[in-house]
Structures are given as C-alpha cells and as structure tokens.
Amino acid sequence: AVGKQANQLIEDWQKKKEIKQEKLKELMGHTPKQVFFGAL
C-alpha cells in the first residue's frame, strides 16, 4: 500500500507541476499470492 500510495502522490503532483521523478517501485510489498507461495 505504501508503494501504491507514493506513486499516486507523484502522479497527482505531476498534474499540477512538472517534476522529474521516477515512479517508486511497488515491489516494496507483496500480493497475497506471493505471500502464500512464500509461506508454502
């Protein structure tokens, strides 16, 4: 959720003012499927 929210903030900011910022990696966290298979 942190990665997704950070990317949304960057997109919203870019609409108001042009900045040269790459998107943050949403790979910061895992999907439930990735957690399940990691646990298995």
Full PDB file with SEQRES, HELIX, SHEET, SSBOND, CRYST1, ORIGX, SCALE, CONECT and MASTER records, all heavy atoms in Angstrom:
SEQRES   1 A   40  ALA VAL GLY LYS GLN ALA ASN GLN LEU ILE GLU ASP TRP          
SEQRES   2 A   40  GLN LYS LYS LYS GLU ILE LYS GLN GLU LYS LEU LYS GLU          
SEQRES   3 A   40  LEU MET GLY HIS THR PRO LYS GLN VAL PHE PHE GLY ALA          
SEQRES   4 A   40  LEU                                                          
HELIX    1 AA1 VAL A    2  LYS A   16  1                                  15    
HELIX    2 AA2 GLU A   26  MET A   28  5                                   3    
HELIX    3 AA3 PRO A   32  ALA A   39  1                                   8    
CRYST1    1.000    1.000    1.000  90.00  90.00  90.00 P 1           1          
ORIGX1      1.000000  0.000000  0.000000        0.00000                         
ORIGX2      0.000000  1.000000  0.000000        0.00000                         
ORIGX3      0.000000  0.000000  1.000000        0.00000                         
SCALE1      1.000000  0.000000  0.000000        0.00000                         
SCALE2      0.000000  1.000000  0.000000        0.00000                         
SCALE3      0.000000  0.000000  1.000000        0.00000                         
ATOM      1  N   ALA A   1       0.828  -1.207   0.000  1.00  0.00           N  
ATOM      2  CA  ALA A   1       0.000   0.000   0.000  1.00  0.00           C  
ATOM      3  C   ALA A   1       0.863   1.258   0.000  1.00  0.00           C  
ATOM      4  O   ALA A   1       0.522   2.255  -0.637  1.00  0.00           O  
ATOM      5  CB  ALA A   1      -0.934   0.005   1.205  1.00  0.00           C  
ATOM      6  N   VAL A   2       1.988   1.218   0.690  1.00  0.00           N  
ATOM      7  CA  VAL A   2       2.905   2.362   0.723  1.00  0.00           C  
ATOM      8  C   VAL A   2       3.410   2.682  -0.679  1.00  0.00           C  
ATOM      9  O   VAL A   2       3.403   3.839  -1.108  1.00  0.00           O  
ATOM     10  CB  VAL A   2       4.097   2.082   1.675  1.00  0.00           C  
ATOM     11  CG1 VAL A   2       5.209   3.098   1.483  1.00  0.00           C  
ATOM     12  CG2 VAL A   2       3.634   2.069   3.115  1.00  0.00           C  
ATOM     13  N   GLY A   3       3.819   1.671  -1.420  1.00  0.00           N  
ATOM     14  CA  GLY A   3       4.301   1.890  -2.784  1.00  0.00           C  
ATOM     15  C   GLY A   3       3.232   2.442  -3.696  1.00  0.00           C  
ATOM     16  O   GLY A   3       3.457   3.373  -4.468  1.00  0.00           O  
ATOM     17  N   LYS A   4       2.022   1.896  -3.606  1.00  0.00           N  
ATOM     18  CA  LYS A   4       0.924   2.373  -4.450  1.00  0.00           C  
ATOM     19  C   LYS A   4       0.539   3.807  -4.121  1.00  0.00           C  
ATOM     20  O   LYS A   4       0.311   4.625  -5.002  1.00  0.00           O  
ATOM     21  CB  LYS A   4      -0.287   1.452  -4.302  1.00  0.00           C  
ATOM     22  CG  LYS A   4      -0.111   0.123  -4.982  1.00  0.00           C  
ATOM     23  CD  LYS A   4      -1.342  -0.743  -4.837  1.00  0.00           C  
ATOM     24  CE  LYS A   4      -1.142  -2.060  -5.554  1.00  0.00           C  
ATOM     25  NZ  LYS A   4      -2.309  -2.927  -5.426  1.00  0.00           N  
ATOM     26  N   GLN A   5       0.478   4.115  -2.842  1.00  0.00           N  
ATOM     27  CA  GLN A   5       0.100   5.467  -2.451  1.00  0.00           C  
ATOM     28  C   GLN A   5       1.172   6.476  -2.853  1.00  0.00           C  
ATOM     29  O   GLN A   5       0.858   7.578  -3.303  1.00  0.00           O  
ATOM     30  CB  GLN A   5      -0.151   5.554  -0.952  1.00  0.00           C  
ATOM     31  CG  GLN A   5      -0.671   6.917  -0.552  1.00  0.00           C  
ATOM     32  CD  GLN A   5      -1.194   6.939   0.866  1.00  0.00           C  
ATOM     33  OE1 GLN A   5      -1.126   5.951   1.574  1.00  0.00           O  
ATOM     34  NE2 GLN A   5      -1.709   8.070   1.279  1.00  0.00           N  
ATOM     35  N   ALA A   6       2.425   6.112  -2.727  1.00  0.00           N  
ATOM     36  CA  ALA A   6       3.506   7.015  -3.122  1.00  0.00           C  
ATOM     37  C   ALA A   6       3.431   7.314  -4.613  1.00  0.00           C  
ATOM     38  O   ALA A   6       3.604   8.466  -5.037  1.00  0.00           O  
ATOM     39  CB  ALA A   6       4.856   6.407  -2.766  1.00  0.00           C  
ATOM     40  N   ASN A   7       3.155   6.299  -5.422  1.00  0.00           N  
ATOM     41  CA  ASN A   7       3.040   6.523  -6.865  1.00  0.00           C  
ATOM     42  C   ASN A   7       1.838   7.402  -7.187  1.00  0.00           C  
ATOM     43  O   ASN A   7       1.904   8.249  -8.081  1.00  0.00           O  
ATOM     44  CB  ASN A   7       2.937   5.188  -7.604  1.00  0.00           C  
ATOM     45  CG  ASN A   7       4.290   4.527  -7.727  1.00  0.00           C  
ATOM     46  OD1 ASN A   7       5.314   5.190  -7.735  1.00  0.00           O  
ATOM     47  ND2 ASN A   7       4.290   3.220  -7.812  1.00  0.00           N  
ATOM     48  N   GLN A   8       0.751   7.239  -6.459  1.00  0.00           N  
ATOM     49  CA  GLN A   8      -0.424   8.085  -6.682  1.00  0.00           C  
ATOM     50  C   GLN A   8      -0.113   9.531  -6.331  1.00  0.00           C  
ATOM     51  O   GLN A   8      -0.520  10.460  -7.039  1.00  0.00           O  
ATOM     52  CB  GLN A   8      -1.615   7.582  -5.862  1.00  0.00           C  
ATOM     53  CG  GLN A   8      -2.892   8.337  -6.137  1.00  0.00           C  
ATOM     54  CD  GLN A   8      -3.348   8.188  -7.582  1.00  0.00           C  
ATOM     55  OE1 GLN A   8      -3.411   7.078  -8.091  1.00  0.00           O  
ATOM     56  NE2 GLN A   8      -3.650   9.288  -8.233  1.00  0.00           N  
ATOM     57  N   LEU A   9       0.613   9.741  -5.249  1.00  0.00           N  
ATOM     58  CA  LEU A   9       1.009  11.099  -4.865  1.00  0.00           C  
ATOM     59  C   LEU A   9       1.869  11.750  -5.943  1.00  0.00           C  
ATOM     60  O   LEU A   9       1.694  12.926  -6.270  1.00  0.00           O  
ATOM     61  CB  LEU A   9       1.754  11.085  -3.535  1.00  0.00           C  
ATOM     62  CG  LEU A   9       0.917  10.822  -2.290  1.00  0.00           C  
ATOM     63  CD1 LEU A   9       1.820  10.602  -1.087  1.00  0.00           C  
ATOM     64  CD2 LEU A   9      -0.048  11.963  -2.051  1.00  0.00           C  
ATOM     65  N   ILE A  10       2.794  10.989  -6.500  1.00  0.00           N  
ATOM     66  CA  ILE A  10       3.663  11.519  -7.558  1.00  0.00           C  
ATOM     67  C   ILE A  10       2.829  11.883  -8.786  1.00  0.00           C  
ATOM     68  O   ILE A  10       3.011  12.952  -9.381  1.00  0.00           O  
ATOM     69  CB  ILE A  10       4.773  10.512  -7.912  1.00  0.00           C  
ATOM     70  CG1 ILE A  10       5.781  10.443  -6.756  1.00  0.00           C  
ATOM     71  CG2 ILE A  10       5.479  10.905  -9.201  1.00  0.00           C  
ATOM     72  CD1 ILE A  10       6.795   9.336  -6.891  1.00  0.00           C  
ATOM     73  N   GLU A  11       1.882  11.010  -9.167  1.00  0.00           N  
ATOM     74  CA  GLU A  11       1.026  11.309 -10.325  1.00  0.00           C  
ATOM     75  C   GLU A  11       0.191  12.568 -10.097  1.00  0.00           C  
ATOM     76  O   GLU A  11       0.074  13.413 -10.988  1.00  0.00           O  
ATOM     77  CB  GLU A  11       0.114  10.123 -10.626  1.00  0.00           C  
ATOM     78  CG  GLU A  11       0.836   8.963 -11.260  1.00  0.00           C  
ATOM     79  CD  GLU A  11      -0.076   7.765 -11.482  1.00  0.00           C  
ATOM     80  OE1 GLU A  11      -1.314   7.926 -11.428  1.00  0.00           O  
ATOM     81  OE2 GLU A  11       0.461   6.670 -11.696  1.00  0.00           O  
ATOM     82  N   ASP A  12      -0.369  12.700  -8.906  1.00  0.00           N  
ATOM     83  CA  ASP A  12      -1.169  13.884  -8.587  1.00  0.00           C  
ATOM     84  C   ASP A  12      -0.311  15.143  -8.620  1.00  0.00           C  
ATOM     85  O   ASP A  12      -0.733  16.190  -9.107  1.00  0.00           O  
ATOM     86  CB  ASP A  12      -1.828  13.739  -7.219  1.00  0.00           C  
ATOM     87  CG  ASP A  12      -2.915  12.678  -7.212  1.00  0.00           C  
ATOM     88  OD1 ASP A  12      -3.333  12.236  -8.305  1.00  0.00           O  
ATOM     89  OD2 ASP A  12      -3.337  12.287  -6.106  1.00  0.00           O  
ATOM     90  N   TRP A  13       0.878  15.059  -8.095  1.00  0.00           N  
ATOM     91  CA  TRP A  13       1.790  16.209  -8.068  1.00  0.00           C  
ATOM     92  C   TRP A  13       2.191  16.595  -9.483  1.00  0.00           C  
ATOM     93  O   TRP A  13       2.273  17.776  -9.822  1.00  0.00           O  
ATOM     94  CB  TRP A  13       3.012  15.886  -7.222  1.00  0.00           C  
ATOM     95  CG  TRP A  13       3.982  17.021  -7.143  1.00  0.00           C  
ATOM     96  CD1 TRP A  13       5.114  17.198  -7.865  1.00  0.00           C  
ATOM     97  CD2 TRP A  13       3.878  18.171  -6.300  1.00  0.00           C  
ATOM     98  NE1 TRP A  13       5.728  18.359  -7.529  1.00  0.00           N  
ATOM     99  CE2 TRP A  13       4.989  18.981  -6.570  1.00  0.00           C  
ATOM    100  CE3 TRP A  13       2.962  18.594  -5.351  1.00  0.00           C  
ATOM    101  CZ2 TRP A  13       5.205  20.193  -5.914  1.00  0.00           C  
ATOM    102  CZ3 TRP A  13       3.188  19.783  -4.700  1.00  0.00           C  
ATOM    103  CH2 TRP A  13       4.292  20.560  -4.986  1.00  0.00           C  
ATOM    104  N   GLN A  14       2.418  15.607 -10.330  1.00  0.00           N  
ATOM    105  CA  GLN A  14       2.837  15.882 -11.703  1.00  0.00           C  
ATOM    106  C   GLN A  14       1.739  16.592 -12.493  1.00  0.00           C  
ATOM    107  O   GLN A  14       2.033  17.339 -13.411  1.00  0.00           O  
ATOM    108  CB  GLN A  14       3.245  14.586 -12.403  1.00  0.00           C  
ATOM    109  CG  GLN A  14       4.598  14.076 -11.941  1.00  0.00           C  
ATOM    110  CD  GLN A  14       4.959  12.745 -12.566  1.00  0.00           C  
ATOM    111  OE1 GLN A  14       4.088  11.986 -12.964  1.00  0.00           O  
ATOM    112  NE2 GLN A  14       6.243  12.461 -12.645  1.00  0.00           N  
ATOM    113  N   LYS A  15       0.518  16.379 -12.166  1.00  0.00           N  
ATOM    114  CA  LYS A  15      -0.579  17.053 -12.867  1.00  0.00           C  
ATOM    115  C   LYS A  15      -0.563  18.552 -12.589  1.00  0.00           C  
ATOM    116  O   LYS A  15      -0.946  19.349 -13.428  1.00  0.00           O  
ATOM    117  CB  LYS A  15      -1.926  16.468 -12.455  1.00  0.00           C  
ATOM    118  CG  LYS A  15      -2.149  15.073 -12.978  1.00  0.00           C  
ATOM    119  CD  LYS A  15      -3.462  14.512 -12.471  1.00  0.00           C  
ATOM    120  CE  LYS A  15      -3.631  13.071 -12.916  1.00  0.00           C  
ATOM    121  NZ  LYS A  15      -4.830  12.461 -12.355  1.00  0.00           N  
ATOM    122  N   LYS A  16      -0.092  18.931 -11.414  1.00  0.00           N  
ATOM    123  CA  LYS A  16      -0.065  20.340 -11.029  1.00  0.00           C  
ATOM    124  C   LYS A  16       1.242  21.012 -11.430  1.00  0.00           C  
ATOM    125  O   LYS A  16       1.265  22.184 -11.764  1.00  0.00           O  
ATOM    126  CB  LYS A  16      -0.243  20.476  -9.514  1.00  0.00           C  
ATOM    127  CG  LYS A  16      -1.587  20.009  -9.030  1.00  0.00           C  
ATOM    128  CD  LYS A  16      -1.671  20.092  -7.522  1.00  0.00           C  
ATOM    129  CE  LYS A  16      -2.985  19.501  -7.061  1.00  0.00           C  
ATOM    130  NZ  LYS A  16      -3.091  19.438  -5.625  1.00  0.00           N  
ATOM    131  N   LYS A  17       2.321  20.282 -11.375  1.00  0.00           N  
ATOM    132  CA  LYS A  17       3.630  20.855 -11.626  1.00  0.00           C  
ATOM    133  C   LYS A  17       4.532  19.760 -12.187  1.00  0.00           C  
ATOM    134  O   LYS A  17       4.580  18.661 -11.669  1.00  0.00           O  
ATOM    135  CB  LYS A  17       4.210  21.378 -10.308  1.00  0.00           C  
ATOM    136  CG  LYS A  17       5.570  21.985 -10.407  1.00  0.00           C  
ATOM    137  CD  LYS A  17       6.025  22.464  -9.035  1.00  0.00           C  
ATOM    138  CE  LYS A  17       7.440  22.959  -9.090  1.00  0.00           C  
ATOM    139  NZ  LYS A  17       7.925  23.357  -7.784  1.00  0.00           N  
ATOM    140  N   GLU A  18       5.262  20.097 -13.241  1.00  0.00           N  
ATOM    141  CA  GLU A  18       6.138  19.108 -13.847  1.00  0.00           C  
ATOM    142  C   GLU A  18       7.362  18.871 -12.966  1.00  0.00           C  
ATOM    143  O   GLU A  18       8.080  19.798 -12.601  1.00  0.00           O  
ATOM    144  CB  GLU A  18       6.591  19.573 -15.230  1.00  0.00           C  
ATOM    145  CG  GLU A  18       7.408  18.530 -15.948  1.00  0.00           C  
ATOM    146  CD  GLU A  18       7.793  18.961 -17.345  1.00  0.00           C  
ATOM    147  OE1 GLU A  18       7.099  19.823 -17.910  1.00  0.00           O  
ATOM    148  OE2 GLU A  18       8.794  18.442 -17.842  1.00  0.00           O  
ATOM    149  N   ILE A  19       7.559  17.611 -12.626  1.00  0.00           N  
ATOM    150  CA  ILE A  19       8.760  17.234 -11.871  1.00  0.00           C  
ATOM    151  C   ILE A  19       9.406  16.053 -12.564  1.00  0.00           C  
ATOM    152  O   ILE A  19       8.756  15.293 -13.269  1.00  0.00           O  
ATOM    153  CB  ILE A  19       8.447  16.875 -10.390  1.00  0.00           C  
ATOM    154  CG1 ILE A  19       7.466  15.715 -10.318  1.00  0.00           C  
ATOM    155  CG2 ILE A  19       7.936  18.062  -9.632  1.00  0.00           C  
ATOM    156  CD1 ILE A  19       7.266  15.172  -8.937  1.00  0.00           C  
ATOM    157  N   LYS A  20      10.672  15.905 -12.377  1.00  0.00           N  
ATOM    158  CA  LYS A  20      11.393  14.786 -12.980  1.00  0.00           C  
ATOM    159  C   LYS A  20      11.645  13.751 -11.895  1.00  0.00           C  
ATOM    160  O   LYS A  20      12.689  13.722 -11.281  1.00  0.00           O  
ATOM    161  CB  LYS A  20      12.685  15.260 -13.604  1.00  0.00           C  
ATOM    162  CG  LYS A  20      12.442  16.226 -14.730  1.00  0.00           C  
ATOM    163  CD  LYS A  20      13.719  16.589 -15.436  1.00  0.00           C  
ATOM    164  CE  LYS A  20      13.458  17.733 -16.322  1.00  0.00           C  
ATOM    165  NZ  LYS A  20      13.303  17.633 -17.633  1.00  0.00           N  
ATOM    166  N   GLN A  21      10.633  12.946 -11.680  1.00  0.00           N  
ATOM    167  CA  GLN A  21      10.692  11.930 -10.633  1.00  0.00           C  
ATOM    168  C   GLN A  21      10.183  10.617 -11.209  1.00  0.00           C  
ATOM    169  O   GLN A  21       9.113  10.570 -11.785  1.00  0.00           O  
ATOM    170  CB  GLN A  21       9.824  12.352  -9.439  1.00  0.00           C  
ATOM    171  CG  GLN A  21       9.703  11.321  -8.355  1.00  0.00           C  
ATOM    172  CD  GLN A  21      11.004  11.101  -7.617  1.00  0.00           C  
ATOM    173  OE1 GLN A  21      11.736  12.029  -7.353  1.00  0.00           O  
ATOM    174  NE2 GLN A  21      11.293   9.867  -7.294  1.00  0.00           N  
ATOM    175  N   GLU A  22      10.965   9.573 -11.038  1.00  0.00           N  
ATOM    176  CA  GLU A  22      10.509   8.262 -11.481  1.00  0.00           C  
ATOM    177  C   GLU A  22       9.532   7.705 -10.469  1.00  0.00           C  
ATOM    178  O   GLU A  22       9.561   8.067  -9.302  1.00  0.00           O  
ATOM    179  CB  GLU A  22      11.697   7.307 -11.610  1.00  0.00           C  
ATOM    180  CG  GLU A  22      12.639   7.669 -12.733  1.00  0.00           C  
ATOM    181  CD  GLU A  22      13.759   6.657 -12.860  1.00  0.00           C  
ATOM    182  OE1 GLU A  22      13.536   5.483 -12.517  1.00  0.00           O  
ATOM    183  OE2 GLU A  22      14.826   7.040 -13.293  1.00  0.00           O  
ATOM    184  N   LYS A  23       8.675   6.814 -10.947  1.00  0.00           N  
ATOM    185  CA  LYS A  23       7.753   6.144 -10.042  1.00  0.00           C  
ATOM    186  C   LYS A  23       8.541   5.293  -9.053  1.00  0.00           C  
ATOM    187  O   LYS A  23       9.569   4.731  -9.392  1.00  0.00           O  
ATOM    188  CB  LYS A  23       6.805   5.234 -10.817  1.00  0.00           C  
ATOM    189  CG  LYS A  23       5.660   5.944 -11.441  1.00  0.00           C  
ATOM    190  CD  LYS A  23       4.690   4.915 -11.979  1.00  0.00           C  
ATOM    191  CE  LYS A  23       3.348   5.547 -12.182  1.00  0.00           C  
ATOM    192  NZ  LYS A  23       2.328   4.554 -12.453  1.00  0.00           N  
ATOM    193  N   LEU A  24       8.008   5.181  -7.857  1.00  0.00           N  
ATOM    194  CA  LEU A  24       8.602   4.305  -6.863  1.00  0.00           C  
ATOM    195  C   LEU A  24       8.216   2.869  -7.178  1.00  0.00           C  
ATOM    196  O   LEU A  24       7.192   2.609  -7.782  1.00  0.00           O  
ATOM    197  CB  LEU A  24       8.115   4.687  -5.461  1.00  0.00           C  
ATOM    198  CG  LEU A  24       8.456   6.097  -5.027  1.00  0.00           C  
ATOM    199  CD1 LEU A  24       7.781   6.401  -3.693  1.00  0.00           C  
ATOM    200  CD2 LEU A  24       9.958   6.278  -4.910  1.00  0.00           C  
ATOM    201  N   LYS A  25       9.025   1.935  -6.751  1.00  0.00           N  
ATOM    202  CA  LYS A  25       8.747   0.532  -7.010  1.00  0.00           C  
ATOM    203  C   LYS A  25       7.631   0.042  -6.097  1.00  0.00           C  
ATOM    204  O   LYS A  25       7.736   0.145  -4.893  1.00  0.00           O  
ATOM    205  CB  LYS A  25       9.995  -0.311  -6.782  1.00  0.00           C  
ATOM    206  CG  LYS A  25      11.092  -0.010  -7.764  1.00  0.00           C  
ATOM    207  CD  LYS A  25      12.299  -0.861  -7.475  1.00  0.00           C  
ATOM    208  CE  LYS A  25      13.430  -0.501  -8.413  1.00  0.00           C  
ATOM    209  NZ  LYS A  25      14.638  -1.235  -8.111  1.00  0.00           N  
ATOM    210  N   GLU A  26       6.579  -0.506  -6.698  1.00  0.00           N  
ATOM    211  CA  GLU A  26       5.515  -1.094  -5.903  1.00  0.00           C  
ATOM    212  C   GLU A  26       5.903  -2.482  -5.428  1.00  0.00           C  
ATOM    213  O   GLU A  26       5.183  -3.121  -4.701  1.00  0.00           O  
ATOM    214  CB  GLU A  26       4.215  -1.139  -6.701  1.00  0.00           C  
ATOM    215  CG  GLU A  26       3.606   0.234  -6.857  1.00  0.00           C  
ATOM    216  CD  GLU A  26       2.329   0.220  -7.667  1.00  0.00           C  
ATOM    217  OE1 GLU A  26       1.724  -0.849  -7.834  1.00  0.00           O  
ATOM    218  OE2 GLU A  26       1.953   1.288  -8.141  1.00  0.00           O  
ATOM    219  N   LEU A  27       7.066  -2.960  -5.855  1.00  0.00           N  
ATOM    220  CA  LEU A  27       7.554  -4.250  -5.388  1.00  0.00           C  
ATOM    221  C   LEU A  27       7.981  -4.198  -3.936  1.00  0.00           C  
ATOM    222  O   LEU A  27       8.468  -5.156  -3.390  1.00  0.00           O  
ATOM    223  CB  LEU A  27       8.745  -4.713  -6.239  1.00  0.00           C  
ATOM    224  CG  LEU A  27       8.409  -5.204  -7.627  1.00  0.00           C  
ATOM    225  CD1 LEU A  27       9.677  -5.542  -8.391  1.00  0.00           C  
ATOM    226  CD2 LEU A  27       7.501  -6.413  -7.560  1.00  0.00           C  
ATOM    227  N   MET A  28       7.808  -3.047  -3.322  1.00  0.00           N  
ATOM    228  CA  MET A  28       8.126  -2.884  -1.923  1.00  0.00           C  
ATOM    229  C   MET A  28       7.392  -3.919  -1.074  1.00  0.00           C  
ATOM    230  O   MET A  28       7.886  -4.389  -0.077  1.00  0.00           O  
ATOM    231  CB  MET A  28       7.692  -1.471  -1.516  1.00  0.00           C  
ATOM    232  CG  MET A  28       8.362  -0.905  -0.358  1.00  0.00           C  
ATOM    233  SD  MET A  28       7.750   0.780  -0.240  1.00  0.00           S  
ATOM    234  CE  MET A  28       9.181   1.532   0.412  1.00  0.00           C  
ATOM    235  N   GLY A  29       6.205  -4.273  -1.477  1.00  0.00           N  
ATOM    236  CA  GLY A  29       5.406  -5.235  -0.742  1.00  0.00           C  
ATOM    237  C   GLY A  29       5.016  -6.402  -1.628  1.00  0.00           C  
ATOM    238  O   GLY A  29       5.483  -6.528  -2.752  1.00  0.00           O  
ATOM    239  N   HIS A  30       4.159  -7.267  -1.116  1.00  0.00           N  
ATOM    240  CA  HIS A  30       3.790  -8.478  -1.830  1.00  0.00           C  
ATOM    241  C   HIS A  30       2.284  -8.569  -2.006  1.00  0.00           C  
ATOM    242  O   HIS A  30       1.523  -8.068  -1.193  1.00  0.00           O  
ATOM    243  CB  HIS A  30       4.246  -9.707  -1.041  1.00  0.00           C  
ATOM    244  CG  HIS A  30       5.720  -9.837  -0.939  1.00  0.00           C  
ATOM    245  ND1 HIS A  30       6.510 -10.276  -1.971  1.00  0.00           N  
ATOM    246  CD2 HIS A  30       6.567  -9.575   0.089  1.00  0.00           C  
ATOM    247  CE1 HIS A  30       7.765 -10.292  -1.591  1.00  0.00           C  
ATOM    248  NE2 HIS A  30       7.826  -9.868  -0.345  1.00  0.00           N  
ATOM    249  N   THR A  31       1.883  -9.277  -3.052  1.00  0.00           N  
ATOM    250  CA  THR A  31       0.482  -9.624  -3.220  1.00  0.00           C  
ATOM    251  C   THR A  31       0.182 -10.801  -2.294  1.00  0.00           C  
ATOM    252  O   THR A  31       1.098 -11.522  -1.885  1.00  0.00           O  
ATOM    253  CB  THR A  31       0.186 -10.027  -4.677  1.00  0.00           C  
ATOM    254  OG1 THR A  31       0.916 -11.223  -4.974  1.00  0.00           O  
ATOM    255  CG2 THR A  31       0.559  -8.912  -5.653  1.00  0.00           C  
ATOM    256  N   PRO A  32      -1.082 -11.023  -1.970  1.00  0.00           N  
ATOM    257  CA  PRO A  32      -1.421 -12.193  -1.155  1.00  0.00           C  
ATOM    258  C   PRO A  32      -0.926 -13.510  -1.769  1.00  0.00           C  
ATOM    259  O   PRO A  32      -0.511 -14.418  -1.067  1.00  0.00           O  
ATOM    260  CB  PRO A  32      -2.947 -12.144  -1.081  1.00  0.00           C  
ATOM    261  CG  PRO A  32      -3.266 -10.677  -1.189  1.00  0.00           C  
ATOM    262  CD  PRO A  32      -2.240 -10.147  -2.174  1.00  0.00           C  
ATOM    263  N   LYS A  33      -0.951 -13.611  -3.090  1.00  0.00           N  
ATOM    264  CA  LYS A  33      -0.471 -14.819  -3.773  1.00  0.00           C  
ATOM    265  C   LYS A  33       1.022 -15.021  -3.517  1.00  0.00           C  
ATOM    266  O   LYS A  33       1.465 -16.143  -3.254  1.00  0.00           O  
ATOM    267  CB  LYS A  33      -0.745 -14.693  -5.272  1.00  0.00           C  
ATOM    268  CG  LYS A  33      -0.298 -15.864  -6.102  1.00  0.00           C  
ATOM    269  CD  LYS A  33      -0.629 -15.615  -7.566  1.00  0.00           C  
ATOM    270  CE  LYS A  33      -0.088 -16.690  -8.469  1.00  0.00           C  
ATOM    271  NZ  LYS A  33      -0.357 -16.406  -9.887  1.00  0.00           N  
ATOM    272  N   GLN A  34       1.811 -13.954  -3.584  1.00  0.00           N  
ATOM    273  CA  GLN A  34       3.247 -14.053  -3.338  1.00  0.00           C  
ATOM    274  C   GLN A  34       3.522 -14.465  -1.896  1.00  0.00           C  
ATOM    275  O   GLN A  34       4.429 -15.260  -1.628  1.00  0.00           O  
ATOM    276  CB  GLN A  34       3.930 -12.724  -3.648  1.00  0.00           C  
ATOM    277  CG  GLN A  34       3.898 -12.365  -5.117  1.00  0.00           C  
ATOM    278  CD  GLN A  34       4.306 -10.929  -5.380  1.00  0.00           C  
ATOM    279  OE1 GLN A  34       4.276 -10.076  -4.487  1.00  0.00           O  
ATOM    280  NE2 GLN A  34       4.671 -10.647  -6.616  1.00  0.00           N  
ATOM    281  N   VAL A  35       2.736 -13.933  -0.963  1.00  0.00           N  
ATOM    282  CA  VAL A  35       2.884 -14.292   0.451  1.00  0.00           C  
ATOM    283  C   VAL A  35       2.520 -15.758   0.660  1.00  0.00           C  
ATOM    284  O   VAL A  35       3.229 -16.496   1.350  1.00  0.00           O  
ATOM    285  CB  VAL A  35       2.027 -13.376   1.347  1.00  0.00           C  
ATOM    286  CG1 VAL A  35       1.973 -13.886   2.775  1.00  0.00           C  
ATOM    287  CG2 VAL A  35       2.572 -11.956   1.318  1.00  0.00           C  
ATOM    288  N   PHE A  36       1.431 -16.206   0.029  1.00  0.00           N  
ATOM    289  CA  PHE A  36       1.006 -17.600   0.170  1.00  0.00           C  
ATOM    290  C   PHE A  36       2.092 -18.555  -0.314  1.00  0.00           C  
ATOM    291  O   PHE A  36       2.446 -19.513   0.378  1.00  0.00           O  
ATOM    292  CB  PHE A  36      -0.299 -17.845  -0.595  1.00  0.00           C  
ATOM    293  CG  PHE A  36      -0.698 -19.290  -0.619  1.00  0.00           C  
ATOM    294  CD1 PHE A  36      -1.288 -19.875   0.491  1.00  0.00           C  
ATOM    295  CD2 PHE A  36      -0.464 -20.066  -1.743  1.00  0.00           C  
ATOM    296  CE1 PHE A  36      -1.642 -21.212   0.484  1.00  0.00           C  
ATOM    297  CE2 PHE A  36      -0.814 -21.405  -1.763  1.00  0.00           C  
ATOM    298  CZ  PHE A  36      -1.401 -21.979  -0.655  1.00  0.00           C  
ATOM    299  N   PHE A  37       2.620 -18.303  -1.515  1.00  0.00           N  
ATOM    300  CA  PHE A  37       3.623 -19.213  -2.054  1.00  0.00           C  
ATOM    301  C   PHE A  37       4.952 -19.117  -1.300  1.00  0.00           C  
ATOM    302  O   PHE A  37       5.670 -20.101  -1.176  1.00  0.00           O  
ATOM    303  CB  PHE A  37       3.808 -19.003  -3.562  1.00  0.00           C  
ATOM    304  CG  PHE A  37       2.707 -19.637  -4.361  1.00  0.00           C  
ATOM    305  CD1 PHE A  37       1.735 -18.872  -4.968  1.00  0.00           C  
ATOM    306  CD2 PHE A  37       2.616 -21.011  -4.461  1.00  0.00           C  
ATOM    307  CE1 PHE A  37       0.704 -19.458  -5.679  1.00  0.00           C  
ATOM    308  CE2 PHE A  37       1.590 -21.618  -5.166  1.00  0.00           C  
ATOM    309  CZ  PHE A  37       0.619 -20.839  -5.785  1.00  0.00           C  
ATOM    310  N   GLY A  38       5.264 -17.946  -0.772  1.00  0.00           N  
ATOM    311  CA  GLY A  38       6.444 -17.819   0.080  1.00  0.00           C  
ATOM    312  C   GLY A  38       6.282 -18.637   1.353  1.00  0.00           C  
ATOM    313  O   GLY A  38       7.205 -19.341   1.784  1.00  0.00           O  
ATOM    314  N   ALA A  39       5.095 -18.567   1.952  1.00  0.00           N  
ATOM    315  CA  ALA A  39       4.822 -19.341   3.172  1.00  0.00           C  
ATOM    316  C   ALA A  39       4.866 -20.840   2.872  1.00  0.00           C  
ATOM    317  O   ALA A  39       5.451 -21.613   3.640  1.00  0.00           O  
ATOM    318  CB  ALA A  39       3.467 -18.949   3.749  1.00  0.00           C  
ATOM    319  N   LEU A  40       4.281 -21.248   1.761  1.00  0.00           N  
ATOM    320  CA  LEU A  40       4.292 -22.656   1.374  1.00  0.00           C  
ATOM    321  C   LEU A  40       5.724 -23.150   1.165  1.00  0.00           C  
ATOM    322  O   LEU A  40       6.089 -24.233   1.635  1.00  0.00           O  
ATOM    323  CB  LEU A  40       3.464 -22.850   0.104  1.00  0.00           C  
ATOM    324  CG  LEU A  40       3.271 -24.279  -0.376  1.00  0.00           C  
ATOM    325  CD1 LEU A  40       2.518 -25.094   0.669  1.00  0.00           C  
ATOM    326  CD2 LEU A  40       2.503 -24.280  -1.699  1.00  0.00           C  
TER     327      LEU A  40                                                      
MASTER        0    0    0    3    0    0    0    6  326    1    0    4          
END                                                                             
